[in-house]
Amino acid sequence: MKIEIDPNKCIGAGHCVAAASDLFTQNEDDGLVVLLVSSPSAERFDAAKEAAGLCPTCAITIHENE
């Protein structure tokens, strides 16, 4: 699995951080998403998918086969 973020779409809602704080955080200056782990373990797949699903601007893309 590979996680990709589009910071141009992010509005800083923070839902991703609430869902998976080990994978995402927010920039202290502007609140935009910061990806902590681009290729997490399979055990974190559900949390990554949840975070992507909660993003109101679809700024998170999960590539399952990478």
Protein backbone atom coordinates (compact mmCIF):
# COMPACT_ATOMS: atom_id res chain seq x y z
CA MET A 1 0.00 0.00 0.00
CA LYS A 2 1.13 3.51 -0.74
CA ILE A 3 -0.47 6.72 0.53
CA GLU A 4 -0.38 9.89 -1.53
CA ILE A 5 -1.58 13.31 -0.44
CA ASP A 6 -2.43 16.38 -2.47
CA PRO A 7 -1.64 19.35 -0.23
CA ASN A 8 -3.31 21.66 -2.76
CA LYS A 9 -6.67 20.05 -1.95
CA CYS A 10 -6.23 19.97 1.83
CA ILE A 11 -8.24 22.44 3.92
CA GLY A 12 -6.84 21.38 7.29
CA ALA A 13 -9.98 19.71 8.63
CA GLY A 14 -7.86 17.19 10.57
CA HIS A 15 -10.10 14.15 10.11
CA CYS A 16 -7.14 12.15 8.83
CA VAL A 17 -5.14 12.88 11.96
CA ALA A 18 -8.09 11.86 14.15
CA ALA A 19 -8.40 8.57 12.24
CA ALA A 20 -4.71 7.71 11.98
CA SER A 21 -2.35 9.95 13.93
CA ASP A 22 0.52 7.54 13.28
CA LEU A 23 0.16 8.11 9.52
CA PHE A 24 -0.81 11.79 9.34
CA THR A 25 -0.19 15.02 11.20
CA GLN A 26 -0.86 18.68 10.49
CA ASN A 27 1.60 21.44 9.70
CA GLU A 28 1.88 23.77 12.69
CA ASP A 29 1.91 26.86 10.49
CA ASP A 30 -1.09 26.30 8.22
CA GLY A 31 -2.82 23.15 9.51
CA LEU A 32 -2.39 21.28 6.24
CA VAL A 33 -1.84 17.54 6.19
CA VAL A 34 1.66 16.11 6.53
CA LEU A 35 2.17 12.46 5.60
CA LEU A 36 4.26 10.66 8.21
CA VAL A 37 4.38 7.22 6.56
CA SER A 38 3.93 6.80 2.81
CA SER A 39 4.08 2.98 2.80
CA PRO A 40 2.52 1.72 6.03
CA SER A 41 2.20 -1.92 7.06
CA ALA A 42 -0.81 -3.94 6.00
CA GLU A 43 -2.17 -3.68 9.55
CA ARG A 44 -2.69 0.06 9.02
CA PHE A 45 -4.66 -0.37 5.79
CA ASP A 46 -8.08 0.05 7.42
CA ALA A 47 -7.01 3.20 9.26
CA ALA A 48 -5.53 4.68 6.09
CA LYS A 49 -8.71 3.93 4.13
CA GLU A 50 -10.82 5.45 6.90
CA ALA A 51 -8.71 8.61 6.89
CA ALA A 52 -9.01 8.91 3.12
CA GLY A 53 -12.77 8.40 3.33
CA LEU A 54 -13.16 11.08 5.99
CA CYS A 55 -11.25 13.72 4.03
CA PRO A 56 -13.81 16.30 2.87
CA THR A 57 -11.71 17.31 -0.15
CA CYS A 58 -10.39 13.88 -1.20
CA ALA A 59 -6.81 15.02 -0.65
CA ILE A 60 -5.70 11.48 0.30
CA THR A 61 -5.30 8.67 -2.23
CA ILE A 62 -4.61 5.09 -1.24
CA HIS A 63 -2.82 2.89 -3.80
CA GLU A 64 -3.59 -0.63 -2.63
CA ASN A 65 -1.23 -2.61 -4.85
CA GLU A 66 1.98 -0.66 -4.31
